[in-house]
């Protein structure tokens, strides 16, 4: 039977109608009504069983071939000694407790040892690369040629490629385009409304709906904990930063006012559409460097209790979700309540970390949409305020420590800016000052003890003179 062009067009039209009809019924409507059919949870449990079976098969085949299954990897490559002061380490290296303020050639070995330890087991730069997996998740990007171990695994990997790129990717791209398009169109229409209260109310509902559609475009499975601690109006929400999708992960459960640099292109269109209908803060490139202007805009926003809480990521860059790095103090100089949030992703289903130095934003999003899923947990921590006598840096460190403890992350003091910048001279000078104190400090202690001994002798002489005068 031969089909005419009109018949082909009709079949194509019916296919597109059915596709978008299913998309509307099972994706968009549940997003609007915030209803879940439980399909994503079932999908996650099924994947876990497949991963477990694949891991068992790999271990069996590797044992038969007598080969190493995984690359040797450990968080502790070298055994470091317990932390101690620089003075104690140098004194131990010298072999005796010397009090002379002299430079010894053996002191060089201390700095050489510390330098080699930092090079071999660098706890900073490895936070800017993808997290190592303990087992294979059937993705080529996390594979050490596991798919060639056995025929069954090869077939399973091939089926996974067909499912991810032939079914999931087109569906997810369609959902993402739908969510972004609705956000642009509806926020632009709402911005025309004269009633301010109605405009902001509708804008909040529209953004929530579009964020939920975008969350489904990633097959994101999110578990929220302690919802009673959710950020409130007039406050600042701070969270650890792993990926740009951190925003929609949090906005899926509540609306926030965003702050950031104004962009061009598609991102700029989205920013302008959102800014016309709700309270977001976008800075020009020149304004971002003006800390006083940024602080004033933030202060004005949080002072208005009718405005949504501001969402900020104080690390200033994406970290691979194994640690939390230094929080910039600017977010904590504002006199308001801070709502900490910890986000932890499960790397077994897909690596959520955005390595911006390796992948562009579009490439990264395509990698996310071609992964199995995005699975994460979000913890709302109790609100925190600056204590009396506590400065912004101390407050930032206290909030960072709470987020790291809740999310099971490593709490690091290093600046995430080291991802692109060199080590500041201040860090080098700090080590030089510590070593100079080892040399000069000992001499100062001797001089101080000598001065004290002279003062005691002079005091004793004055007392003897007083007794002589009284006797006379």
Protein backbone atom coordinates (compact mmCIF):
# COMPACT_ATOMS: atom_id res chain seq x y z
CA UNK A 1 0.00 0.00 0.00
CA UNK A 2 1.47 3.37 -1.10
CA UNK A 3 1.04 6.42 1.12
CA UNK A 4 0.55 9.82 -0.52
CA UNK A 5 2.28 12.96 0.82
CA UNK A 6 -0.99 14.07 2.40
CA UNK A 7 -1.20 10.77 4.26
CA UNK A 8 2.37 11.18 5.48
CA UNK A 9 1.58 14.64 6.78
CA UNK A 10 -1.55 13.31 8.47
CA UNK A 11 0.40 10.52 10.21
CA UNK A 12 3.03 13.03 11.28
CA UNK A 13 0.36 15.37 12.63
CA UNK A 14 -1.32 12.57 14.56
CA UNK A 15 2.02 11.45 16.04
CA UNK A 16 2.88 14.99 17.17
CA UNK A 17 -0.62 15.46 18.63
CA UNK A 18 -0.39 12.20 20.58
CA UNK A 19 3.12 13.07 21.78
CA UNK A 20 2.15 16.50 23.11
CA UNK A 21 -1.14 15.12 24.47
CA UNK A 22 0.69 12.57 26.59
CA UNK A 23 3.20 15.22 27.57
CA UNK A 24 0.42 17.55 28.69
CA UNK A 25 -1.48 14.91 30.66
CA UNK A 26 1.40 13.16 32.40
CA UNK A 27 3.92 15.99 32.79
CA UNK A 28 2.51 19.51 32.58
CA UNK A 29 -0.78 18.95 34.44
CA UNK A 30 0.93 17.16 37.39
CA UNK A 31 3.46 20.01 37.49
CA UNK A 32 0.69 22.60 37.78
CA UNK A 33 -1.24 20.62 40.39
CA UNK A 34 1.95 19.43 42.14
CA UNK A 35 0.86 15.81 41.83
CA UNK A 36 3.17 12.82 41.42
CA UNK A 37 2.16 9.40 40.11
CA UNK A 38 5.21 7.76 41.73
CA UNK A 39 6.69 6.77 38.37
CA UNK A 40 10.03 8.49 39.01
CA UNK A 41 10.49 6.72 42.35
CA UNK A 42 9.72 3.37 40.69
CA UNK A 43 12.17 4.26 37.92
CA UNK A 44 14.87 5.03 40.52
CA UNK A 45 14.37 1.72 42.37
CA UNK A 46 14.52 -0.17 39.07
CA UNK A 47 17.80 1.53 38.16
CA UNK A 48 19.29 0.61 41.53
CA UNK A 49 18.50 -3.06 40.97
CA UNK A 50 20.06 -2.93 37.50
CA UNK A 51 23.20 -1.27 38.90
CA UNK A 52 23.48 -3.93 41.60
CA UNK A 53 23.17 -6.72 39.04
CA UNK A 54 25.75 -5.07 36.74
CA UNK A 55 28.18 -4.64 39.66
CA UNK A 56 27.89 -8.34 40.59
CA UNK A 57 28.47 -9.38 36.96
CA UNK A 58 31.54 -7.12 36.70
CA UNK A 59 33.05 -8.50 39.88
CA UNK A 60 32.49 -12.09 38.74
CA UNK A 61 34.03 -11.50 35.29
CA UNK A 62 36.95 -9.51 36.72
CA UNK A 63 37.67 -12.31 39.20
CA UNK A 64 37.68 -14.87 36.39
CA UNK A 65 40.15 -12.78 34.38
CA UNK A 66 42.22 -11.98 37.45
CA UNK A 67 42.18 -8.27 36.64
CA UNK A 68 41.68 -5.13 38.65
CA UNK A 69 38.09 -3.93 38.47
CA UNK A 70 38.40 -0.33 39.57
CA UNK A 71 41.11 2.27 39.40
CA UNK A 72 42.90 2.58 42.72
CA UNK A 73 41.47 5.62 44.39
CA UNK A 74 41.43 6.84 47.95
CA UNK A 75 40.64 10.10 49.62
CA UNK A 76 43.72 9.56 51.78
CA UNK A 77 46.52 8.86 49.32
CA UNK A 78 49.20 9.49 51.94
CA UNK A 79 49.09 9.13 55.69
CA UNK A 80 49.36 12.57 57.24
CA UNK A 81 50.47 13.14 60.79
CA UNK A 82 48.01 14.68 63.26
CA UNK A 83 47.75 18.45 63.02
CA UNK A 84 50.27 20.32 65.15
CA UNK A 85 51.79 23.78 65.22
CA UNK A 86 54.64 24.78 62.93
CA UNK A 87 56.86 25.41 65.97
CA UNK A 88 56.29 21.89 67.34
CA UNK A 89 57.01 20.28 63.96
CA UNK A 90 60.25 22.19 63.47
CA UNK A 91 61.42 21.51 67.01
CA UNK A 92 60.72 17.81 66.53
CA UNK A 93 62.61 17.89 63.23
CA UNK A 94 65.62 19.50 64.87
CA UNK A 95 65.70 16.70 67.38
CA UNK A 96 65.85 18.82 70.50
CA UNK A 97 64.16 21.84 72.02
CA UNK A 98 66.56 24.60 71.14
CA UNK A 99 66.03 28.10 72.38
CA UNK A 100 68.50 29.84 70.04
CA UNK A 101 66.83 32.03 67.42
CA UNK A 102 68.86 30.64 64.57
CA UNK A 103 68.06 29.34 61.12
CA UNK A 104 68.84 25.66 60.64
CA UNK A 105 69.20 23.93 57.27
CA UNK A 106 67.04 21.09 58.55
CA UNK A 107 64.06 23.50 58.70
CA UNK A 108 63.90 23.30 54.90
CA UNK A 109 62.83 19.65 55.08
CA UNK A 110 59.65 20.64 56.95
CA UNK A 111 58.46 22.89 54.12
CA UNK A 112 59.55 20.33 51.48
CA UNK A 113 57.51 17.63 53.20
CA UNK A 114 54.42 19.82 53.46
CA UNK A 115 54.77 20.86 49.83
CA UNK A 116 55.04 17.27 48.59
CA UNK A 117 52.01 16.28 50.69
CA UNK A 118 49.97 19.09 49.12
CA UNK A 119 51.01 18.08 45.61
CA UNK A 120 50.36 14.36 46.04
CA UNK A 121 47.09 14.71 47.95
CA UNK A 122 45.70 18.12 46.96
CA UNK A 123 42.46 18.67 48.84
CA UNK A 124 41.61 21.82 46.86
CA UNK A 125 41.92 21.26 43.09
CA UNK A 126 40.38 17.76 43.23
CA UNK A 127 37.15 19.46 44.38
CA UNK A 128 36.89 20.98 40.88
CA UNK A 129 36.71 17.66 39.03
CA UNK A 130 34.01 14.99 38.84
CA UNK A 131 33.50 12.83 41.91
CA UNK A 132 34.88 9.30 41.69
CA UNK A 133 32.32 6.47 41.72
CA UNK A 134 32.74 3.22 43.62
CA UNK A 135 30.83 1.30 40.94
CA UNK A 136 29.78 1.72 37.33
CA UNK A 137 26.40 3.32 36.57
CA UNK A 138 26.29 2.14 32.91
CA UNK A 139 27.35 5.56 31.60
CA UNK A 140 30.30 5.77 29.22
CA UNK A 141 31.50 8.99 30.89
CA UNK A 142 32.07 7.08 34.16
CA UNK A 143 33.37 3.88 32.55
CA UNK A 144 36.80 2.32 32.69
CA UNK A 145 35.87 0.11 29.68
CA UNK A 146 33.53 -1.88 31.93
CA UNK A 147 31.18 -2.47 29.02
CA UNK A 148 33.77 -4.73 27.37
CA UNK A 149 34.01 -7.12 30.33
CA UNK A 150 31.21 -9.41 29.18
CA UNK A 151 28.64 -9.74 26.40
CA UNK A 152 25.72 -9.28 28.81
CA UNK A 153 27.09 -5.99 30.07
CA UNK A 154 27.73 -4.83 26.51
CA UNK A 155 24.12 -5.57 25.54
CA UNK A 156 22.82 -3.88 28.70
CA UNK A 157 24.98 -0.81 28.06
CA UNK A 158 23.73 -0.63 24.45
CA UNK A 159 20.10 -0.79 25.58
CA UNK A 160 20.84 1.97 28.08
CA UNK A 161 22.22 4.19 25.30
CA UNK A 162 19.07 3.62 23.22
CA UNK A 163 16.79 4.44 26.16
CA UNK A 164 18.70 7.54 27.25
CA UNK A 165 19.25 9.08 23.80
CA UNK A 166 16.26 7.68 21.93
CA UNK A 167 13.51 8.11 24.54
CA UNK A 168 14.59 10.16 27.54
CA UNK A 169 16.58 12.89 25.78
CA UNK A 170 13.84 13.94 23.27
CA UNK A 171 11.25 13.89 26.06
CA UNK A 172 13.42 15.96 28.38
CA UNK A 173 14.37 18.50 25.70
CA UNK A 174 10.67 18.94 24.87
CA UNK A 175 9.84 19.51 28.54
CA UNK A 176 12.70 21.96 29.00
CA UNK A 177 11.69 24.00 25.93
CA UNK A 178 8.07 23.96 27.12
CA UNK A 179 8.99 25.16 30.61
CA UNK A 180 11.29 27.96 29.40
CA UNK A 181 8.80 29.09 26.74
CA UNK A 182 5.94 29.24 29.25
CA UNK A 183 8.17 31.20 31.65
CA UNK A 184 9.04 33.78 28.99
CA UNK A 185 5.52 34.20 27.63
CA UNK A 186 3.50 34.13 30.86
CA UNK A 187 5.81 36.38 32.91
CA UNK A 188 5.79 38.92 30.05
CA UNK A 189 1.97 38.90 30.03
CA UNK A 190 1.69 39.13 33.81
CA UNK A 191 4.05 42.11 33.88
CA UNK A 192 1.37 44.16 32.05
CA UNK A 193 -1.13 43.84 34.90
CA UNK A 194 -1.60 47.11 36.81
CA UNK A 195 -2.45 45.53 40.16
CA UNK A 196 0.86 44.97 41.96
CA UNK A 197 -0.41 42.36 44.45
CA UNK A 198 -2.15 40.33 41.73
CA UNK A 199 0.90 40.59 39.48
CA UNK A 200 3.27 39.23 42.11
CA UNK A 201 0.82 36.50 43.14
CA UNK A 202 0.40 35.24 39.56
CA UNK A 203 4.14 35.58 38.92
CA UNK A 204 4.88 33.33 41.89
CA UNK A 205 2.47 30.66 40.68
CA UNK A 206 3.80 30.82 37.12
CA UNK A 207 7.42 30.52 38.19
CA UNK A 208 6.63 27.57 40.46
CA UNK A 209 4.84 25.81 37.61
CA UNK A 210 7.66 26.42 35.11
CA UNK A 211 10.35 25.36 37.59
CA UNK A 212 8.51 22.10 38.23
CA UNK A 213 8.29 21.41 34.50
CA UNK A 214 12.04 22.03 34.22
CA UNK A 215 12.64 19.71 37.17
CA UNK A 216 10.75 16.96 35.35
CA UNK A 217 12.84 17.63 32.24
CA UNK A 218 15.81 16.32 34.26
CA UNK A 219 13.85 13.44 35.84
CA UNK A 220 14.85 15.00 39.15
CA UNK A 221 13.91 12.98 42.23
CA UNK A 222 14.17 15.34 45.21
CA UNK A 223 13.63 14.60 48.89
CA UNK A 224 13.04 17.64 51.11
CA UNK A 225 13.72 17.41 54.84
CA UNK A 226 12.61 19.68 57.72
CA UNK A 227 10.20 21.79 55.70
CA UNK A 228 9.31 23.70 58.86
CA UNK A 229 12.64 25.53 58.49
CA UNK A 230 11.90 26.78 54.96
CA UNK A 231 13.18 30.34 54.29
CA UNK A 232 10.74 33.14 55.07
CA UNK A 233 10.26 36.59 53.58
CA UNK A 234 12.79 39.20 54.62
CA UNK A 235 15.64 36.69 54.97
CA UNK A 236 18.54 35.29 52.97
CA UNK A 237 18.74 31.63 51.95
CA UNK A 238 22.32 30.35 51.54
CA UNK A 239 23.25 26.92 50.15
CA UNK A 240 26.25 24.98 48.92
CA UNK A 241 26.73 25.22 45.15
CA UNK A 242 27.24 22.28 42.82
CA UNK A 243 25.42 23.15 39.62
CA UNK A 244 23.26 25.90 38.02
CA UNK A 245 20.25 23.62 38.49
CA UNK A 246 20.55 24.19 42.26
CA UNK A 247 18.20 27.11 41.61
CA UNK A 248 15.35 25.04 40.18
CA UNK A 249 15.95 22.29 42.75
CA UNK A 250 15.17 24.78 45.54
CA UNK A 251 12.60 26.82 43.61
CA UNK A 252 10.62 23.61 42.99
CA UNK A 253 9.63 23.77 46.68
CA UNK A 254 9.23 27.54 47.09
CA UNK A 255 9.81 30.85 45.33
CA UNK A 256 12.93 32.94 45.84
CA UNK A 257 14.25 36.27 44.68
CA UNK A 258 17.43 35.73 42.72
CA UNK A 259 20.50 37.93 42.67
CA UNK A 260 23.26 37.91 40.10
CA UNK A 261 24.93 39.52 37.15
CA UNK A 262 22.84 40.55 34.16
CA UNK A 263 23.53 38.40 31.08
CA UNK A 264 22.76 38.60 27.40
CA UNK A 265 21.20 36.11 25.00
CA UNK A 266 18.62 33.58 26.20
CA UNK A 267 19.69 33.93 29.83
CA UNK A 268 19.23 37.70 29.57
CA UNK A 269 15.74 37.27 28.11
CA UNK A 270 14.76 35.03 31.02
CA UNK A 271 16.22 37.48 33.56
CA UNK A 272 14.38 40.47 32.06
CA UNK A 273 11.08 38.56 31.88
CA UNK A 274 11.37 37.46 35.51
CA UNK A 275 12.47 40.92 36.68
CA UNK A 276 9.41 42.60 35.19
CA UNK A 277 6.98 40.47 37.17
CA UNK A 278 8.76 39.86 40.49
CA UNK A 279 11.51 41.18 42.79
CA UNK A 280 14.83 39.95 41.45
CA UNK A 281 18.14 41.83 41.66
CA UNK A 282 20.30 41.91 38.55
CA UNK A 283 23.56 43.85 38.47
CA UNK A 284 25.51 45.18 35.52
CA UNK A 285 29.12 44.07 35.20
CA UNK A 286 30.42 47.37 36.60
CA UNK A 287 27.98 47.34 39.54
CA UNK A 288 28.98 43.85 40.72
CA UNK A 289 32.39 45.18 41.80
CA UNK A 290 30.77 47.90 43.92
CA UNK A 291 30.35 46.08 47.24
CA UNK A 292 28.57 49.03 48.87
CA UNK A 293 25.94 49.16 46.11
CA UNK A 294 25.37 45.42 46.34
CA UNK A 295 25.05 45.59 50.13
CA UNK A 296 22.57 48.49 49.86
CA UNK A 297 20.38 46.66 47.34
CA UNK A 298 20.41 43.55 49.54
CA UNK A 299 19.64 45.55 52.67
CA UNK A 300 16.69 47.30 51.00
CA UNK A 301 15.31 43.97 49.80
CA UNK A 302 15.43 42.12 53.13
CA UNK A 303 14.03 45.16 54.95
CA UNK A 304 10.76 44.68 53.06
CA UNK A 305 9.03 41.71 54.70
CA UNK A 306 6.63 41.36 51.77
CA UNK A 307 9.42 40.33 49.39
CA UNK A 308 10.54 36.77 48.88
CA UNK A 309 13.76 35.52 50.53
CA UNK A 310 16.94 36.01 48.50
CA UNK A 311 18.68 32.85 47.29
CA UNK A 312 22.49 33.08 47.35
CA UNK A 313 25.43 30.72 46.91
CA UNK A 314 28.27 32.23 48.97
CA UNK A 315 30.96 29.90 47.57
CA UNK A 316 30.82 31.84 44.31
CA UNK A 317 31.61 28.79 42.15
CA UNK A 318 30.51 25.19 41.64
CA UNK A 319 32.13 22.49 43.82
CA UNK A 320 31.86 18.75 43.07
CA UNK A 321 29.47 18.07 45.98
CA UNK A 322 32.10 16.40 48.15
CA UNK A 323 32.91 19.50 50.21
CA UNK A 324 31.96 23.06 51.09
CA UNK A 325 34.55 25.75 50.48
CA UNK A 326 34.94 29.26 51.90
CA UNK A 327 31.80 31.39 52.06
CA UNK A 328 32.20 35.00 50.92
CA UNK A 329 31.43 37.30 53.83
CA UNK A 330 29.28 39.74 51.81
CA UNK A 331 26.17 37.60 52.25
CA UNK A 332 26.58 37.70 56.03
CA UNK A 333 27.19 41.41 56.53
CA UNK A 334 23.48 42.16 56.15
CA UNK A 335 21.55 42.42 59.40
CA UNK A 336 18.90 39.77 58.81
CA UNK A 337 18.07 36.12 59.41
CA UNK A 338 20.02 33.57 57.38
CA UNK A 339 18.38 30.29 56.37
CA UNK A 340 21.03 27.62 55.65
CA UNK A 341 20.21 24.85 53.16
CA UNK A 342 22.30 21.73 52.44
CA UNK A 343 22.05 20.03 49.03
CA UNK A 344 23.52 16.57 48.43
CA UNK A 345 23.36 14.81 45.03
CA UNK A 346 23.55 11.06 44.46
CA UNK A 347 26.29 10.53 41.81
CA UNK A 348 25.14 7.00 41.01
CA UNK A 349 22.41 8.27 38.66
CA UNK A 350 24.33 11.14 37.08
CA UNK A 351 27.07 13.62 37.92
CA UNK A 352 25.40 16.96 38.68
CA UNK A 353 28.67 18.89 39.05
CA UNK A 354 29.24 21.59 36.41
CA UNK A 355 32.91 21.80 35.49
CA UNK A 356 32.62 25.20 33.78
CA UNK A 357 36.27 25.14 32.68
CA UNK A 358 35.60 21.94 30.69
CA UNK A 359 31.98 22.18 29.49
CA UNK A 360 29.82 25.04 28.30
CA UNK A 361 26.35 25.49 29.77
CA UNK A 362 24.51 23.97 26.79
CA UNK A 363 26.85 20.96 26.66
CA UNK A 364 26.46 20.49 30.41
CA UNK A 365 22.65 20.57 30.23
CA UNK A 366 22.66 18.01 27.41
CA UNK A 367 24.86 15.75 29.53
CA UNK A 368 22.38 16.12 32.39
CA UNK A 369 19.43 15.33 30.14
CA UNK A 370 21.18 12.24 28.78
CA UNK A 371 21.97 10.90 32.26
CA UNK A 372 19.73 8.44 34.06
CA UNK A 373 18.28 10.94 36.53
CA UNK A 374 19.15 13.68 39.02
CA UNK A 375 18.61 12.38 42.56
CA UNK A 376 19.27 14.64 45.52
CA UNK A 377 18.32 15.45 49.11
CA UNK A 378 17.66 18.94 50.45
CA UNK A 379 17.83 19.79 54.15
CA UNK A 380 16.35 23.02 55.54
CA UNK A 381 18.43 23.91 58.59
CA UNK A 382 17.18 26.06 61.53
CA UNK A 383 17.49 29.83 60.88
CA UNK A 384 20.64 31.49 62.18
CA UNK A 385 21.53 35.05 63.23
CA UNK A 386 24.79 36.79 64.04
CA UNK A 387 25.69 36.49 67.68
CA UNK A 388 26.91 39.36 69.80
CA UNK A 389 30.57 40.11 69.10
CA UNK A 390 30.61 37.86 66.02
CA UNK A 391 31.89 39.37 62.79
CA UNK A 392 30.74 38.45 59.25
CA UNK A 393 33.60 36.01 58.65
CA UNK A 394 32.95 34.08 61.86
CA UNK A 395 29.22 33.98 61.12
CA UNK A 396 29.89 32.71 57.58
CA UNK A 397 32.15 29.94 58.91
CA UNK A 398 29.53 28.89 61.46
CA UNK A 399 26.84 28.62 58.77
CA UNK A 400 29.23 26.76 56.44
CA UNK A 401 30.09 24.24 59.17
CA UNK A 402 26.39 23.56 59.80
CA UNK A 403 25.72 22.94 56.08
CA UNK A 404 28.75 20.66 55.76
CA UNK A 405 27.77 18.61 58.82
CA UNK A 406 24.18 18.12 57.65
CA UNK A 407 25.08 17.25 54.05
CA UNK A 408 27.96 14.93 54.94
CA UNK A 409 30.42 17.23 53.15
CA UNK A 410 34.02 18.13 53.97
CA UNK A 411 34.37 21.60 55.52
CA UNK A 412 37.30 23.37 53.82
CA UNK A 413 38.74 26.81 54.58
CA UNK A 414 40.02 27.35 51.03
CA UNK A 415 38.57 29.92 48.65
CA UNK A 416 36.70 28.48 45.68
CA UNK A 417 38.25 31.26 43.61
CA UNK A 418 41.39 29.09 43.44
CA UNK A 419 39.52 27.25 40.67
CA UNK A 420 40.64 29.99 38.27
CA UNK A 421 42.99 32.28 40.21
CA UNK A 422 46.44 31.82 41.72
CA UNK A 423 47.05 31.54 45.44
CA UNK A 424 46.94 34.95 47.08
CA UNK A 425 50.16 36.42 48.44
CA UNK A 426 48.44 36.75 51.82
CA UNK A 427 48.49 32.94 52.25
CA UNK A 428 52.23 32.83 51.51
CA UNK A 429 52.92 35.74 53.84
CA UNK A 430 50.97 33.99 56.60
CA UNK A 431 53.32 30.99 56.44
CA UNK A 432 56.33 33.32 56.43
CA UNK A 433 55.02 35.09 59.52
CA UNK A 434 54.49 31.80 61.33
CA UNK A 435 58.07 30.75 60.62
CA UNK A 436 59.46 34.14 61.61
CA UNK A 437 57.64 33.81 64.94
CA UNK A 438 59.45 30.53 65.50
CA UNK A 439 62.78 32.32 65.12
CA UNK A 440 62.07 35.77 66.50
CA UNK A 441 59.49 34.69 69.06
CA UNK A 442 61.97 32.56 71.00
CA UNK A 443 64.43 35.45 71.19
CA UNK A 444 61.63 37.76 72.32
CA UNK A 445 60.74 35.32 75.08
CA UNK A 446 64.36 35.30 76.28
CA UNK A 447 64.50 39.10 76.22
CA UNK A 448 61.17 39.33 78.04
CA UNK A 449 62.35 36.87 80.70
CA UNK A 450 65.62 38.81 81.02
CA UNK A 451 63.79 42.11 81.36
CA UNK A 452 61.53 40.60 83.98
CA UNK A 453 64.57 39.33 85.92
CA UNK A 454 66.12 42.83 85.84
CA UNK A 455 62.82 44.36 86.99
CA UNK A 456 62.70 41.91 89.92
CA UNK A 457 66.28 42.81 90.89
CA UNK A 458 65.58 46.54 90.71
CA UNK A 459 62.43 46.11 92.77
CA UNK A 460 64.40 44.19 95.41
CA UNK A 461 67.05 46.96 95.53
CA UNK A 462 64.36 49.62 96.01
CA UNK A 463 62.89 47.65 98.91
CA UNK A 464 66.32 47.39 100.58
CA UNK A 465 66.82 51.14 100.20
CA UNK A 466 63.43 51.79 101.81
CA UNK A 467 64.34 49.56 104.78
CA UNK A 468 67.64 51.39 105.22
CA UNK A 469 65.89 54.78 105.24
CA UNK A 470 63.39 53.58 107.80
CA UNK A 471 66.23 52.29 110.00
CA UNK A 472 68.02 55.63 109.81
